[in-house]
Amino acid sequence: MAINNKTYQPVQILTIKATGDVASNRFVGFSGSLCGANQKAFGVSLSNFSNGSFASIVVLGTAIVEAGGTINVGDKVASDSLGRAIVATTGAEVNGRALTSAVVGEFVKILLVP
């Protein structure tokens, strides 16, 4: 589903200084760059940002994340190596629950898990 058909309700947005380039709607790691595969995310980027810039990150509430695979409503989601949402596997850090379904390249609404 296109991103313009998605709504989200951020409860808390924090500003960070980026340590790498990040595309919008991706999981961001605590380091300030893309979240690594199966790593705990700090939050989700609201826009594109480049290394050294300041960026707004949704850290609590719901957020829209680009899907890196097929995700169904209710699935636990983790980050892939590009910061996209994928179904969490055993041992992966869970970053949220899917509130909508999506396939790779589409956007999924996630209830973030701190």
Protein backbone atom coordinates (compact mmCIF):
# COMPACT_ATOMS: atom_id res chain seq x y z
CA MET A 1 0.00 0.00 0.00
CA ALA A 2 1.24 3.50 -0.79
CA ILE A 3 2.53 5.57 2.08
CA ASN A 4 -0.04 8.33 1.46
CA ASN A 5 -2.76 5.84 2.46
CA LYS A 6 -1.19 5.29 5.88
CA THR A 7 -1.76 7.25 9.07
CA TYR A 8 0.35 7.06 12.20
CA GLN A 9 0.18 8.37 15.75
CA PRO A 10 3.58 9.23 17.20
CA VAL A 11 3.53 9.63 20.96
CA GLN A 12 7.14 10.77 21.28
CA ILE A 13 9.53 12.13 18.66
CA LEU A 14 13.18 12.78 19.53
CA THR A 15 15.89 14.57 17.58
CA ILE A 16 19.25 12.89 17.06
CA LYS A 17 22.45 13.78 15.26
CA ALA A 18 22.90 11.31 12.41
CA THR A 19 26.06 9.26 12.12
CA GLY A 20 25.12 7.95 8.68
CA ASP A 21 22.73 8.50 5.78
CA VAL A 22 19.23 7.15 6.43
CA ALA A 23 16.17 7.01 4.17
CA SER A 24 12.75 7.94 5.50
CA ASN A 25 10.55 5.31 7.11
CA ARG A 26 13.41 3.06 8.21
CA PHE A 27 14.42 1.72 11.61
CA VAL A 28 17.23 3.79 13.13
CA GLY A 29 19.72 2.31 15.58
CA PHE A 30 20.90 3.85 18.84
CA SER A 31 24.11 4.83 17.01
CA GLY A 32 22.22 7.34 14.83
CA SER A 33 22.50 5.34 11.60
CA LEU A 34 20.45 2.58 9.97
CA CYS A 35 19.46 -0.17 12.36
CA GLY A 36 21.32 -3.40 11.66
CA ALA A 37 19.73 -6.74 10.92
CA ASN A 38 17.88 -8.15 13.95
CA GLN A 39 19.14 -5.29 16.16
CA LYS A 40 17.08 -3.21 18.60
CA ALA A 41 15.91 0.02 16.98
CA PHE A 42 15.92 3.41 18.68
CA GLY A 43 13.00 4.47 16.50
CA VAL A 44 11.84 5.20 12.95
CA SER A 45 13.03 8.00 10.66
CA LEU A 46 10.41 10.52 9.55
CA SER A 47 12.40 11.79 6.56
CA ASN A 48 15.64 11.28 4.65
CA PHE A 49 18.70 12.56 6.50
CA SER A 50 22.41 12.58 5.90
CA ASN A 51 25.45 12.01 8.07
CA GLY A 52 25.95 14.90 10.50
CA SER A 53 22.45 16.35 10.16
CA PHE A 54 19.77 16.43 12.83
CA ALA A 55 16.85 14.06 12.34
CA SER A 56 13.44 13.48 13.90
CA ILE A 57 12.85 9.91 15.05
CA VAL A 58 9.55 8.40 16.23
CA VAL A 59 10.46 6.45 19.37
CA LEU A 60 7.03 5.72 20.87
CA GLY A 61 3.59 5.17 19.37
CA THR A 62 2.92 4.05 15.82
CA ALA A 63 5.14 4.66 12.81
CA ILE A 64 5.24 3.82 9.13
CA VAL A 65 8.15 1.58 8.02
CA GLU A 66 9.12 0.28 4.59
CA ALA A 67 8.69 -3.50 4.42
CA GLY A 68 11.63 -5.71 3.52
CA GLY A 69 9.43 -8.79 3.07
CA THR A 70 5.86 -10.01 3.47
CA ILE A 71 4.35 -8.92 6.79
CA ASN A 72 0.87 -9.74 8.08
CA VAL A 73 -1.25 -7.95 10.67
CA GLY A 74 -0.12 -8.95 14.17
CA ASP A 75 3.35 -10.15 13.16
CA LYS A 76 6.26 -9.26 15.42
CA VAL A 77 8.66 -7.17 13.35
CA ALA A 78 12.42 -6.73 13.37
CA SER A 79 14.89 -4.78 11.25
CA ASP A 80 16.72 -6.10 8.21
CA SER A 81 20.20 -4.86 7.24
CA LEU A 82 18.64 -1.89 5.40
CA GLY A 83 16.48 -0.78 8.34
CA ARG A 84 13.30 -2.13 6.74
CA ALA A 85 10.64 -4.08 8.64
CA ILE A 86 10.68 -7.88 8.38
CA VAL A 87 8.98 -10.64 10.36
CA ALA A 88 11.01 -11.27 13.52
CA THR A 89 12.65 -14.68 13.75
CA THR A 90 13.91 -16.50 16.84
CA GLY A 91 16.67 -14.49 18.49
CA ALA A 92 15.87 -11.23 16.70
CA GLU A 93 15.15 -8.05 18.63
CA VAL A 94 11.44 -7.25 18.27
CA ASN A 95 10.89 -3.59 17.37
CA GLY A 96 7.11 -3.67 17.13
CA ARG A 97 3.90 -5.33 15.97
CA ALA A 98 2.39 -4.92 12.52
CA LEU A 99 -0.96 -3.14 12.50
CA THR A 100 -1.33 -3.52 8.72
CA SER A 101 -0.08 -5.99 6.13
CA ALA A 102 2.52 -5.27 3.43
CA VAL A 103 4.87 -6.91 0.95
CA VAL A 104 8.43 -5.90 0.12
CA GLY A 105 8.63 -2.25 -0.95
CA GLU A 106 5.26 -1.31 0.55
CA PHE A 107 4.76 0.51 3.84
CA VAL A 108 3.48 -1.08 7.04
CA LYS A 109 2.10 0.60 10.17
CA ILE A 110 4.01 -0.58 13.24
CA LEU A 111 3.15 -0.27 16.93
CA LEU A 112 6.63 0.39 18.31
CA VAL A 113 7.90 -1.70 21.21
CA PRO A 114 10.43 0.21 23.35
